């Protein structure tokens, strides 16, 4: 690889921040949803948004450079990926997750990443999820966007994991119930308990009722790191929990999962996980880094440590494999039947 090529790659990394902001700006102006009706000019987009025509063209040009839209004779159209994932109401839409949670809540905290890494943040610079979710407005913003972002992985889990023999599921830190709802719909004999903070649980109960599953999904309100879990569960699921708590909590959560599973029960951990040799995947590593900005004590999970920790805790048939390509992995293990 030549020096100029390497410099180009470094420049792309450095300007990734601008690409993210272009995406957030387009989502805020509903650009992708507008383009789902057909190709438009910059003037067309400006006429349907608060964007000025020249600025609309500047934004659309940036989106074209990112591969999110195409351009033909001055008319812009969604790329297949944008059409599938960034159009409001689309089956796999997670635009609100990017726009609200990442763009409005997480991204502003990226500015303090250097201080977080060097352990020189003032005490009030970051707050725990408990503090964050004690504010009903912040809890709603985070939880509603996370719900949208979790539906896709939940569907993938339902397709890839056979839970037909499971009667009970404990979803620790399960938020508004995206995983519990999806798994219960896919497994008619399954009942679920979701553990999460009160303000999050209040929102989750609305989603559960809307799904017609309030007779099969219940909530235990509180901090999932505390000893408030029901026992004798067939499945314990922790999705995106490890990346949101201090690293010194991980082994305790694994041990508690073992204790609360019925013999033969299964633990599922879904999170941002890098390879054991720590060479990637790139997206997983970057997501881990951004979590450090507001959870400085978070640990960078790798597949080797995770598999070893489950084995040490007594789990059998331990496996760690990719879930969302290049971004998340799913670790699983069974408590022995005897």
Protein backbone atom coordinates (compact mmCIF):
# COMPACT_ATOMS: atom_id res chain seq x y z
CA UNK A 1 0.00 0.00 0.00
CA UNK A 2 1.45 3.37 -1.05
CA UNK A 3 1.91 6.32 1.27
CA UNK A 4 -0.73 8.36 -0.58
CA UNK A 5 -3.25 5.53 -0.28
CA UNK A 6 -2.55 5.30 3.44
CA UNK A 7 -2.96 9.06 3.78
CA UNK A 8 -6.31 8.83 1.99
CA UNK A 9 -7.49 6.15 4.43
CA UNK A 10 -6.38 8.28 7.39
CA UNK A 11 -8.24 11.28 5.96
CA UNK A 12 -11.41 9.21 5.58
CA UNK A 13 -11.16 8.17 9.22
CA UNK A 14 -10.56 11.76 10.37
CA UNK A 15 -13.52 13.07 8.39
CA UNK A 16 -15.84 10.29 9.58
CA UNK A 17 -17.26 12.76 12.10
CA UNK A 18 -18.52 14.94 9.26
CA UNK A 19 -20.08 11.95 7.55
CA UNK A 20 -21.99 11.10 10.71
CA UNK A 21 -23.22 14.67 11.05
CA UNK A 22 -24.36 14.60 7.41
CA UNK A 23 -26.39 11.48 8.17
CA UNK A 24 -27.94 13.02 11.30
CA UNK A 25 -28.81 16.23 9.45
CA UNK A 26 -30.50 14.28 6.66
CA UNK A 27 -32.52 12.27 9.16
CA UNK A 28 -33.60 15.43 10.99
CA UNK A 29 -34.93 16.84 7.69
CA UNK A 30 -36.60 13.54 6.64
CA UNK A 31 -34.53 13.51 3.44
CA UNK A 32 -34.54 9.71 3.04
CA UNK A 33 -38.28 9.46 3.72
CA UNK A 34 -38.97 12.16 1.13
CA UNK A 35 -36.78 10.41 -1.45
CA UNK A 36 -38.63 7.13 -0.89
CA UNK A 37 -41.42 8.53 -3.08
CA UNK A 38 -39.02 8.91 -6.02
CA UNK A 39 -35.98 10.86 -7.27
CA UNK A 40 -35.92 14.58 -6.46
CA UNK A 41 -33.76 17.61 -7.18
CA UNK A 42 -32.18 19.66 -4.43
CA UNK A 43 -34.83 22.30 -5.10
CA UNK A 44 -37.57 19.68 -4.60
CA UNK A 45 -36.08 18.69 -1.24
CA UNK A 46 -35.69 22.34 -0.20
CA UNK A 47 -39.33 22.99 -1.00
CA UNK A 48 -40.44 20.21 1.36
CA UNK A 49 -38.03 20.98 4.23
CA UNK A 50 -36.51 23.93 6.06
CA UNK A 51 -33.31 23.55 4.01
CA UNK A 52 -32.15 26.34 1.70
CA UNK A 53 -31.76 25.11 -1.93
CA UNK A 54 -27.97 25.57 -2.08
CA UNK A 55 -27.53 23.98 1.33
CA UNK A 56 -29.83 21.12 0.36
CA UNK A 57 -27.57 20.46 -2.62
CA UNK A 58 -24.48 20.59 -0.40
CA UNK A 59 -26.04 18.05 1.97
CA UNK A 60 -27.24 15.78 -0.85
CA UNK A 61 -23.80 15.89 -2.46
CA UNK A 62 -22.23 14.79 0.82
CA UNK A 63 -24.78 11.96 1.09
CA UNK A 64 -23.95 10.91 -2.46
CA UNK A 65 -20.25 10.83 -1.55
CA UNK A 66 -21.10 8.61 1.40
CA UNK A 67 -23.06 6.25 -0.84
CA UNK A 68 -26.35 6.92 0.95
CA UNK A 69 -27.99 8.44 -2.13
CA UNK A 70 -27.37 8.27 -5.86
CA UNK A 71 -27.48 11.18 -8.30
CA UNK A 72 -28.45 11.13 -11.96
CA UNK A 73 -28.82 14.31 -14.00
CA UNK A 74 -29.31 16.42 -10.88
CA UNK A 75 -31.94 14.13 -9.35
CA UNK A 76 -31.19 12.30 -6.13
CA UNK A 77 -32.50 8.90 -5.02
CA UNK A 78 -32.02 6.64 -2.02
CA UNK A 79 -29.43 3.90 -2.13
CA UNK A 80 -30.86 0.41 -1.42
CA UNK A 81 -29.44 0.56 2.13
CA UNK A 82 -30.97 3.98 2.83
CA UNK A 83 -34.31 2.81 1.46
CA UNK A 84 -34.28 -0.26 3.70
CA UNK A 85 -32.99 1.24 6.93
CA UNK A 86 -33.47 5.03 6.95
CA UNK A 87 -37.02 5.56 5.63
CA UNK A 88 -39.63 6.11 8.32
CA UNK A 89 -42.01 3.19 8.57
CA UNK A 90 -39.80 0.79 6.62
CA UNK A 91 -39.65 -2.73 8.04
CA UNK A 92 -36.02 -2.37 9.11
CA UNK A 93 -36.08 1.37 9.87
CA UNK A 94 -33.65 2.37 12.59
CA UNK A 95 -33.30 6.00 11.61
CA UNK A 96 -34.74 7.20 14.92
CA UNK A 97 -32.10 5.21 16.78
CA UNK A 98 -29.38 7.03 14.85
CA UNK A 99 -31.08 10.44 14.90
CA UNK A 100 -32.21 10.53 18.53
CA UNK A 101 -30.00 8.30 20.66
CA UNK A 102 -26.75 8.49 18.74
CA UNK A 103 -27.10 11.97 17.24
CA UNK A 104 -28.66 13.84 20.17
CA UNK A 105 -27.56 11.92 23.26
CA UNK A 106 -24.33 10.05 22.55
CA UNK A 107 -22.57 12.17 19.95
CA UNK A 108 -22.36 15.33 22.07
CA UNK A 109 -20.45 13.30 24.64
CA UNK A 110 -17.78 12.25 22.12
CA UNK A 111 -16.02 15.56 22.74
CA UNK A 112 -14.97 14.29 26.15
CA UNK A 113 -13.51 10.99 24.94
CA UNK A 114 -9.87 12.08 25.45
CA UNK A 115 -10.54 13.09 29.05
CA UNK A 116 -12.48 9.87 29.66
CA UNK A 117 -9.60 7.75 28.37
CA UNK A 118 -7.14 9.63 30.58
CA UNK A 119 -9.40 9.43 33.65
CA UNK A 120 -9.51 13.19 34.14
CA UNK A 121 -13.22 13.85 33.77
CA UNK A 122 -14.88 15.80 36.60
CA UNK A 123 -17.38 13.79 38.62
CA UNK A 124 -20.38 15.48 37.01
CA UNK A 125 -19.15 15.08 33.41
CA UNK A 126 -20.80 11.70 32.94
CA UNK A 127 -23.73 10.10 34.65
CA UNK A 128 -24.64 6.47 35.12
CA UNK A 129 -27.58 5.00 33.26
CA UNK A 130 -29.42 5.06 36.59
CA UNK A 131 -29.02 8.85 36.78
CA UNK A 132 -29.75 9.29 33.10
CA UNK A 133 -32.93 7.22 33.23
CA UNK A 134 -34.17 8.94 36.39
CA UNK A 135 -35.11 11.79 34.05
CA UNK A 136 -38.36 10.74 32.31
CA UNK A 137 -37.59 12.84 29.22
CA UNK A 138 -34.11 11.39 28.73
CA UNK A 139 -35.41 7.91 29.47
CA UNK A 140 -38.10 8.26 26.80
CA UNK A 141 -35.71 9.67 24.19
CA UNK A 142 -33.15 6.93 24.76
CA UNK A 143 -35.62 4.07 25.13
CA UNK A 144 -37.83 4.84 22.17
CA UNK A 145 -34.84 5.17 19.87
CA UNK A 146 -33.24 2.03 21.32
CA UNK A 147 -36.48 0.13 20.72
CA UNK A 148 -36.25 0.98 17.01
CA UNK A 149 -32.59 -0.01 16.94
CA UNK A 150 -33.17 -3.34 18.70
CA UNK A 151 -35.99 -4.71 16.55
CA UNK A 152 -33.66 -5.79 13.74
CA UNK A 153 -31.22 -7.70 15.97
CA UNK A 154 -34.18 -9.19 17.85
CA UNK A 155 -35.63 -10.58 14.61
CA UNK A 156 -32.22 -11.99 13.71
CA UNK A 157 -31.92 -13.66 17.11
CA UNK A 158 -35.41 -15.16 16.75
CA UNK A 159 -34.41 -16.64 13.38
CA UNK A 160 -31.06 -18.02 14.51
CA UNK A 161 -31.78 -19.36 18.01
CA UNK A 162 -34.25 -22.19 18.65
CA UNK A 163 -36.19 -21.38 21.83
CA UNK A 164 -39.10 -23.71 21.12
CA UNK A 165 -38.30 -25.75 24.26
CA UNK A 166 -38.04 -22.67 26.53
CA UNK A 167 -40.89 -21.59 28.78
CA UNK A 168 -39.33 -18.59 30.55
CA UNK A 169 -37.03 -15.80 29.43
CA UNK A 170 -35.32 -13.23 31.66
CA UNK A 171 -34.21 -10.15 29.71
CA UNK A 172 -31.84 -8.16 31.94
CA UNK A 173 -31.61 -4.51 30.94
CA UNK A 174 -34.23 -5.32 28.31
CA UNK A 175 -35.41 -1.72 27.89
CA UNK A 176 -38.75 -1.33 26.19
CA UNK A 177 -38.97 -5.03 25.42
CA UNK A 178 -37.98 -5.18 21.75
CA UNK A 179 -36.23 -8.55 22.25
CA UNK A 180 -38.85 -9.94 24.63
CA UNK A 181 -41.72 -8.97 22.32
CA UNK A 182 -40.04 -10.37 19.21
CA UNK A 183 -39.02 -13.64 20.88
CA UNK A 184 -42.45 -14.15 22.44
CA UNK A 185 -44.12 -13.62 19.06
CA UNK A 186 -41.80 -16.21 17.54
CA UNK A 187 -42.23 -18.72 20.41
CA UNK A 188 -45.85 -19.01 21.52
CA UNK A 189 -45.03 -20.97 24.70
CA UNK A 190 -42.53 -18.41 25.93
CA UNK A 191 -43.16 -15.99 28.81
CA UNK A 192 -40.72 -13.18 29.55
CA UNK A 193 -39.63 -11.00 32.44
CA UNK A 194 -37.81 -7.76 31.65
CA UNK A 195 -35.61 -6.06 34.25
CA UNK A 196 -35.03 -2.32 33.82
CA UNK A 197 -35.33 1.08 35.47
CA UNK A 198 -38.84 2.37 36.38
CA UNK A 199 -39.03 5.12 33.75
CA UNK A 200 -37.93 2.65 31.08
CA UNK A 201 -40.34 -0.01 32.33
CA UNK A 202 -43.25 2.44 32.09
CA UNK A 203 -42.52 2.91 28.39
CA UNK A 204 -41.91 -0.78 27.86
CA UNK A 205 -45.31 -1.69 29.27
CA UNK A 206 -46.88 0.52 26.58
CA UNK A 207 -45.05 -1.38 23.83
CA UNK A 208 -45.96 -4.73 25.42
CA UNK A 209 -49.63 -3.80 25.65
CA UNK A 210 -49.64 -2.54 22.07
CA UNK A 211 -48.20 -5.91 21.00
CA UNK A 212 -50.98 -7.72 22.88
CA UNK A 213 -48.47 -9.52 25.10
CA UNK A 214 -49.17 -8.03 28.54
CA UNK A 215 -50.31 -11.47 29.70
CA UNK A 216 -46.93 -12.99 28.77
CA UNK A 217 -44.39 -10.21 29.41
CA UNK A 218 -43.94 -8.59 32.83
CA UNK A 219 -41.44 -6.13 34.30
CA UNK A 220 -39.25 -6.12 37.39
CA UNK A 221 -38.32 -2.49 37.99
CA UNK A 222 -34.83 -1.59 39.16
CA UNK A 223 -31.13 -1.74 38.35
CA UNK A 224 -30.33 -5.03 36.63
CA UNK A 225 -27.02 -5.24 38.49
CA UNK A 226 -28.90 -5.68 41.76
CA UNK A 227 -30.21 -8.99 43.07
CA UNK A 228 -33.79 -8.56 41.86
CA UNK A 229 -33.91 -11.28 39.19
CA UNK A 230 -36.43 -14.11 39.34
CA UNK A 231 -34.83 -17.55 39.47
CA UNK A 232 -35.26 -20.82 37.59
CA UNK A 233 -35.23 -19.26 34.13
CA UNK A 234 -34.87 -21.26 30.91
CA UNK A 235 -33.11 -18.39 29.15
CA UNK A 236 -31.25 -15.33 30.45
CA UNK A 237 -30.62 -12.65 27.84
CA UNK A 238 -28.37 -9.61 28.23
CA UNK A 239 -28.30 -7.47 25.08
CA UNK A 240 -26.10 -4.36 25.01
CA UNK A 241 -25.85 -4.57 28.82
CA UNK A 242 -22.12 -5.28 29.15
CA UNK A 243 -21.16 -2.24 27.06
CA UNK A 244 -23.23 0.02 29.33
CA UNK A 245 -21.86 -1.01 32.74
CA UNK A 246 -18.37 -0.89 34.29
CA UNK A 247 -16.16 -3.78 33.30
CA UNK A 248 -15.79 -5.02 36.86
CA UNK A 249 -19.50 -5.92 36.83
CA UNK A 250 -19.21 -8.44 33.98
CA UNK A 251 -18.05 -11.52 35.88
CA UNK A 252 -20.69 -10.94 38.56
CA UNK A 253 -23.43 -10.73 35.94
CA UNK A 254 -22.26 -13.97 34.34
CA UNK A 255 -22.18 -15.73 37.73
CA UNK A 256 -25.64 -14.42 38.63
CA UNK A 257 -27.02 -15.61 35.30
CA UNK A 258 -25.71 -19.10 36.05
CA UNK A 259 -27.36 -19.07 39.47
CA UNK A 260 -30.72 -17.88 38.10
CA UNK A 261 -30.92 -20.36 35.24
CA UNK A 262 -32.74 -23.65 35.60
CA UNK A 263 -30.60 -26.76 34.99
CA UNK A 264 -30.09 -27.01 31.24
CA UNK A 265 -30.92 -23.31 30.81
CA UNK A 266 -29.14 -21.04 28.36
CA UNK A 267 -27.33 -17.70 28.70
CA UNK A 268 -27.29 -15.32 25.72
CA UNK A 269 -25.05 -12.23 25.71
CA UNK A 270 -25.40 -9.90 22.72
CA UNK A 271 -23.09 -6.90 22.52
CA UNK A 272 -20.34 -5.03 20.72
CA UNK A 273 -17.51 -7.59 20.75
CA UNK A 274 -14.16 -7.59 18.94
CA UNK A 275 -12.13 -10.58 17.84
CA UNK A 276 -9.82 -12.27 20.34
CA UNK A 277 -6.72 -10.89 18.55
CA UNK A 278 -8.20 -7.36 18.76
CA UNK A 279 -7.63 -6.54 15.08
CA UNK A 280 -11.33 -5.73 14.56
CA UNK A 281 -14.05 -5.66 13.46
CA UNK A 282 -13.69 -1.91 13.01
CA UNK A 283 -17.31 -1.02 13.73
CA UNK A 284 -17.41 -3.03 16.95
CA UNK A 285 -14.21 -1.38 18.15
CA UNK A 286 -15.52 2.11 17.40
CA UNK A 287 -18.81 1.47 19.18
CA UNK A 288 -16.87 0.28 22.21
CA UNK A 289 -14.80 3.46 22.13
CA UNK A 290 -17.82 5.77 21.95
CA UNK A 291 -19.36 4.04 24.96
CA UNK A 292 -16.24 4.98 26.93
CA UNK A 293 -17.19 8.65 26.56
CA UNK A 294 -20.11 8.22 28.96
CA UNK A 295 -19.16 4.97 30.72
CA UNK A 296 -15.41 5.47 31.28
CA UNK A 297 -15.10 2.23 33.25
CA UNK A 298 -16.60 0.18 30.41
CA UNK A 299 -14.50 -2.75 29.19
CA UNK A 300 -13.64 -3.54 25.59
CA UNK A 301 -15.10 -7.03 25.19
CA UNK A 302 -13.31 -9.56 23.03
CA UNK A 303 -14.57 -12.97 21.99
CA UNK A 304 -11.73 -14.86 23.69
CA UNK A 305 -12.26 -13.30 27.12
CA UNK A 306 -16.01 -13.77 26.84
CA UNK A 307 -15.76 -17.46 25.96
CA UNK A 308 -13.21 -18.07 28.72
CA UNK A 309 -15.33 -16.25 31.31
CA UNK A 310 -18.44 -18.27 30.49
CA UNK A 311 -16.46 -21.49 30.69
CA UNK A 312 -14.91 -20.53 34.05
CA UNK A 313 -18.39 -19.75 35.41
CA UNK A 314 -19.44 -23.35 34.66
CA UNK A 315 -21.23 -22.98 31.33
CA UNK A 316 -20.97 -25.77 28.76
CA UNK A 317 -21.31 -25.67 24.96
CA UNK A 318 -19.92 -22.13 24.97
CA UNK A 319 -19.95 -20.37 21.62
CA UNK A 320 -19.25 -16.80 20.49
CA UNK A 321 -20.24 -15.92 16.92
CA UNK A 322 -21.09 -12.85 14.83
CA UNK A 323 -24.61 -11.46 15.04
CA UNK A 324 -24.77 -8.07 13.30
CA UNK A 325 -21.92 -8.40 10.76
CA UNK A 326 -18.83 -6.41 11.71
CA UNK A 327 -20.56 -4.93 14.75
CA UNK A 328 -21.96 -7.31 17.38
CA UNK A 329 -21.51 -10.90 18.50
CA UNK A 330 -23.69 -13.37 20.35
CA UNK A 331 -22.18 -15.43 23.16
CA UNK A 332 -24.10 -18.45 24.40
CA UNK A 333 -23.63 -21.17 26.95
CA UNK A 334 -25.71 -23.77 28.78
CA UNK A 335 -25.89 -24.46 32.47
CA UNK A 336 -25.39 -28.23 32.82
CA UNK A 337 -28.60 -30.20 33.20
CA UNK A 338 -27.16 -31.82 36.34
